[in-house]
Amino acid sequence: MEGIRDGAVRIRMFRPFPEEALRALLAGARRVGVIDRDLRALHAPITR
């Protein structure tokens, strides 16, 4: 039976952004998914 290798990274500090550390963690990843939890977009009016 083949398993699925997965992991998660939680960024707790944005300034200064830990770019080098994040690149090192994701260096071997074939795919990366990002979940945006910015709730301000839900309260903005829809414009076209």
N, C-alpha and C. Protein backbone atom coordinates (compact mmCIF):
# COMPACT_ATOMS: atom_id res chain seq x y z
N MET A 1 0.85 -1.18 0.00
CA MET A 1 0.00 0.00 0.00
C MET A 1 0.89 1.23 0.00
N GLU A 2 0.58 2.18 -0.84
CA GLU A 2 1.36 3.42 -0.95
C GLU A 2 0.70 4.52 -0.13
N GLY A 3 1.50 5.21 0.65
CA GLY A 3 0.97 6.30 1.48
C GLY A 3 1.18 7.66 0.82
N ILE A 4 0.61 8.65 1.42
CA ILE A 4 0.74 10.02 0.95
C ILE A 4 1.62 10.78 1.93
N ARG A 5 2.72 11.34 1.43
CA ARG A 5 3.60 12.15 2.27
C ARG A 5 3.10 13.59 2.22
N ASP A 6 2.83 14.16 3.37
CA ASP A 6 2.37 15.54 3.40
C ASP A 6 2.94 16.25 4.62
N GLY A 7 2.74 17.52 4.68
CA GLY A 7 3.22 18.31 5.80
C GLY A 7 2.53 19.66 5.79
N ALA A 8 2.82 20.45 6.79
CA ALA A 8 2.21 21.78 6.90
C ALA A 8 3.23 22.76 7.48
N VAL A 9 3.11 24.00 7.05
CA VAL A 9 3.96 25.07 7.56
C VAL A 9 3.04 26.19 8.01
N ARG A 10 3.21 26.66 9.21
CA ARG A 10 2.43 27.80 9.70
C ARG A 10 3.38 28.97 9.88
N ILE A 11 3.16 30.03 9.12
CA ILE A 11 4.00 31.22 9.21
C ILE A 11 3.42 32.11 10.30
N ARG A 12 4.21 32.39 11.31
CA ARG A 12 3.75 33.19 12.45
C ARG A 12 4.32 34.60 12.44
N MET A 13 5.28 34.85 11.56
CA MET A 13 5.93 36.15 11.53
C MET A 13 6.02 36.59 10.07
N PHE A 14 5.51 37.77 9.76
CA PHE A 14 5.53 38.26 8.39
C PHE A 14 6.56 39.37 8.17
N ARG A 15 6.98 40.00 9.22
CA ARG A 15 7.99 41.06 9.11
C ARG A 15 9.07 40.84 10.14
N PRO A 16 10.26 40.56 9.75
CA PRO A 16 10.69 40.30 8.38
C PRO A 16 10.21 38.92 7.94
N PHE A 17 9.83 38.81 6.67
CA PHE A 17 9.32 37.55 6.15
C PHE A 17 10.45 36.52 6.10
N PRO A 18 10.21 35.32 6.63
CA PRO A 18 11.26 34.29 6.70
C PRO A 18 11.46 33.56 5.36
N GLU A 19 11.84 34.32 4.35
CA GLU A 19 11.95 33.77 2.99
C GLU A 19 12.94 32.62 2.90
N GLU A 20 14.12 32.79 3.46
CA GLU A 20 15.14 31.75 3.36
C GLU A 20 14.70 30.47 4.07
N ALA A 21 14.12 30.59 5.24
CA ALA A 21 13.64 29.42 5.97
C ALA A 21 12.51 28.72 5.22
N LEU A 22 11.61 29.49 4.63
CA LEU A 22 10.50 28.91 3.88
C LEU A 22 11.00 28.20 2.63
N ARG A 23 11.95 28.81 1.94
CA ARG A 23 12.55 28.16 0.76
C ARG A 23 13.22 26.84 1.13
N ALA A 24 13.91 26.81 2.27
CA ALA A 24 14.57 25.58 2.71
C ALA A 24 13.54 24.50 3.03
N LEU A 25 12.44 24.85 3.66
CA LEU A 25 11.40 23.88 4.01
C LEU A 25 10.71 23.31 2.77
N LEU A 26 10.54 24.15 1.74
CA LEU A 26 9.80 23.73 0.55
C LEU A 26 10.70 23.26 -0.58
N ALA A 27 11.99 23.15 -0.33
CA ALA A 27 12.95 22.82 -1.39
C ALA A 27 12.64 21.49 -2.08
N GLY A 28 12.22 20.48 -1.36
CA GLY A 28 11.96 19.18 -1.96
C GLY A 28 10.52 18.95 -2.37
N ALA A 29 9.67 19.96 -2.23
CA ALA A 29 8.24 19.80 -2.51
C ALA A 29 7.97 19.82 -4.01
N ARG A 30 7.16 18.90 -4.47
CA ARG A 30 6.73 18.92 -5.87
C ARG A 30 5.54 19.85 -6.06
N ARG A 31 4.70 19.94 -5.04
CA ARG A 31 3.51 20.80 -5.11
C ARG A 31 3.35 21.51 -3.78
N VAL A 32 2.82 22.72 -3.86
CA VAL A 32 2.57 23.51 -2.65
C VAL A 32 1.18 24.13 -2.79
N GLY A 33 0.38 24.00 -1.76
CA GLY A 33 -0.94 24.63 -1.73
C GLY A 33 -0.94 25.74 -0.69
N VAL A 34 -1.67 26.80 -0.98
CA VAL A 34 -1.74 27.95 -0.08
C VAL A 34 -3.20 28.24 0.24
N ILE A 35 -3.51 28.37 1.52
CA ILE A 35 -4.85 28.75 1.95
C ILE A 35 -4.79 30.18 2.45
N ASP A 36 -5.52 31.07 1.79
CA ASP A 36 -5.55 32.48 2.17
C ASP A 36 -6.70 32.70 3.13
N ARG A 37 -6.39 33.14 4.32
CA ARG A 37 -7.42 33.34 5.35
C ARG A 37 -7.71 34.81 5.56
N ASP A 38 -7.56 35.63 4.54
CA ASP A 38 -7.83 37.06 4.64
C ASP A 38 -9.35 37.26 4.55
N LEU A 39 -9.97 37.54 5.67
CA LEU A 39 -11.43 37.67 5.72
C LEU A 39 -11.91 39.04 5.25
N ARG A 40 -11.00 39.98 5.05
CA ARG A 40 -11.42 41.30 4.59
C ARG A 40 -12.06 41.23 3.22
N ALA A 41 -11.65 40.28 2.38
CA ALA A 41 -12.21 40.15 1.05
C ALA A 41 -13.70 39.80 1.10
N LEU A 42 -14.15 39.15 2.15
CA LEU A 42 -15.56 38.80 2.26
C LEU A 42 -16.44 40.00 2.56
N HIS A 43 -15.86 41.06 3.12
CA HIS A 43 -16.62 42.23 3.49
C HIS A 43 -16.56 43.33 2.46
N ALA A 44 -15.74 43.16 1.43
CA ALA A 44 -15.60 44.20 0.40
C ALA A 44 -16.74 44.08 -0.61
N PRO A 45 -17.20 45.22 -1.12
CA PRO A 45 -18.25 45.14 -2.15
C PRO A 45 -17.71 44.54 -3.43
N ILE A 46 -18.57 43.85 -4.17
CA ILE A 46 -18.16 43.24 -5.42
C ILE A 46 -18.20 44.32 -6.50
N THR A 47 -17.08 44.54 -7.16
CA THR A 47 -17.00 45.53 -8.24
C THR A 47 -16.56 44.82 -9.51
N ARG A 48 -16.96 45.39 -10.61
CA ARG A 48 -16.58 44.81 -11.91
C ARG A 48 -15.83 45.80 -12.72
